[in-house]
Amino acid sequence: MSTDQATTTTVRTPEEVREWLTERVAYFLDVTPQDIASDALLVEIGLDSVYALTLCGDVEEQFGIVVEATLAWDHPTVDALTTHIHAQIADPR
């Protein structure tokens, strides 16, 4: 099994999901993960609609779930995204 396949089938802890999200958002904003407060509104720290949509695709690929294109607006912080994504991967009904 490749590393990519393992990431989509492995159950993740909320902390692992939060860390991954923080790293992705930091990458999009060209800052360090330490610069991203998990309770900061993504739109207020500079995440635009292009990166928000890209993040949706990255989430789908990373966690093997389907998400709405409005994910980052419906769950506007890393903490809110973490809670939502972890719930989806923990119970993928």
Protein backbone atom coordinates (compact mmCIF):
# COMPACT_ATOMS: atom_id res chain seq x y z
CA MET A 1 0.00 0.00 0.00
CA SER A 2 1.39 3.42 -0.91
CA THR A 3 1.69 6.29 1.55
CA ASP A 4 -1.16 8.14 -0.18
CA GLN A 5 -3.48 5.16 0.18
CA ALA A 6 -2.54 4.77 3.82
CA THR A 7 -3.46 8.38 4.59
CA THR A 8 -6.98 7.97 3.25
CA THR A 9 -7.70 4.73 5.08
CA THR A 10 -6.08 5.38 8.45
CA VAL A 11 -8.32 6.70 11.19
CA ARG A 12 -6.89 9.95 12.47
CA THR A 13 -7.13 11.60 15.86
CA PRO A 14 -8.52 15.13 16.07
CA GLU A 15 -5.00 16.34 16.84
CA GLU A 16 -3.65 14.76 13.64
CA VAL A 17 -6.47 16.31 11.61
CA ARG A 18 -5.84 19.73 13.20
CA GLU A 19 -2.10 19.49 12.55
CA TRP A 20 -2.64 18.58 8.91
CA LEU A 21 -5.18 21.39 8.41
CA THR A 22 -2.90 23.91 10.09
CA GLU A 23 -0.02 22.90 7.84
CA ARG A 24 -2.18 23.18 4.70
CA VAL A 25 -3.57 26.60 5.64
CA ALA A 26 -0.07 27.82 6.53
CA TYR A 27 1.19 26.59 3.17
CA PHE A 28 -1.57 28.45 1.30
CA LEU A 29 -0.87 31.65 3.24
CA ASP A 30 2.92 31.27 2.98
CA VAL A 31 3.41 31.40 6.75
CA THR A 32 4.56 28.89 9.35
CA PRO A 33 2.04 26.60 11.05
CA GLN A 34 2.83 28.38 14.32
CA ASP A 35 1.38 31.55 12.75
CA ILE A 36 -2.05 29.93 12.38
CA ALA A 37 -4.31 30.22 15.42
CA SER A 38 -6.75 27.31 15.41
CA ASP A 39 -9.61 29.59 16.45
CA ALA A 40 -8.90 32.38 13.92
CA LEU A 41 -11.44 32.96 11.16
CA LEU A 42 -9.82 31.67 7.99
CA VAL A 43 -11.14 34.53 5.91
CA GLU A 44 -9.69 37.06 8.36
CA ILE A 45 -6.21 35.53 8.18
CA GLY A 46 -6.22 35.62 4.40
CA LEU A 47 -7.67 32.35 3.08
CA ASP A 48 -9.41 33.33 -0.14
CA SER A 49 -12.01 31.43 -2.16
CA VAL A 50 -9.43 29.83 -4.47
CA TYR A 51 -7.47 28.37 -1.55
CA ALA A 52 -10.68 27.42 0.26
CA LEU A 53 -11.76 25.39 -2.76
CA THR A 54 -8.30 23.89 -3.10
CA LEU A 55 -8.45 22.93 0.57
CA CYS A 56 -11.70 21.05 -0.12
CA GLY A 57 -9.96 18.93 -2.74
CA ASP A 58 -7.01 18.35 -0.45
CA VAL A 59 -9.34 17.25 2.38
CA GLU A 60 -11.13 14.82 0.07
CA GLU A 61 -7.84 13.36 -1.12
CA GLN A 62 -6.21 13.21 2.30
CA PHE A 63 -9.13 11.78 4.28
CA GLY A 64 -11.11 9.90 1.63
CA ILE A 65 -14.33 11.82 2.23
CA VAL A 66 -16.50 14.03 0.04
CA VAL A 67 -16.99 17.58 1.28
CA GLU A 68 -19.05 20.52 0.08
CA ALA A 69 -17.29 23.32 -1.80
CA THR A 70 -18.40 25.62 1.02
CA LEU A 71 -16.52 23.63 3.67
CA ALA A 72 -14.21 26.47 4.75
CA TRP A 73 -17.10 28.93 4.95
CA ASP A 74 -19.42 26.54 6.80
CA HIS A 75 -16.64 25.67 9.28
CA PRO A 76 -14.63 28.91 9.32
CA THR A 77 -11.76 28.03 11.68
CA VAL A 78 -9.21 25.24 11.89
CA ASP A 79 -10.93 24.07 15.08
CA ALA A 80 -14.35 23.96 13.39
CA LEU A 81 -12.91 22.19 10.35
CA THR A 82 -11.16 19.68 12.60
CA THR A 83 -14.37 18.84 14.44
CA HIS A 84 -16.33 18.43 11.21
CA ILE A 85 -13.72 16.41 9.35
CA HIS A 86 -12.96 14.15 12.30
CA ALA A 87 -16.68 13.43 12.72
CA GLN A 88 -16.87 12.51 9.01
CA ILE A 89 -13.90 10.15 9.09
CA ALA A 90 -14.87 8.61 12.44
CA ASP A 91 -18.41 7.81 11.28
CA PRO A 92 -18.57 7.94 7.46
CA ARG A 93 -22.25 7.16 6.98
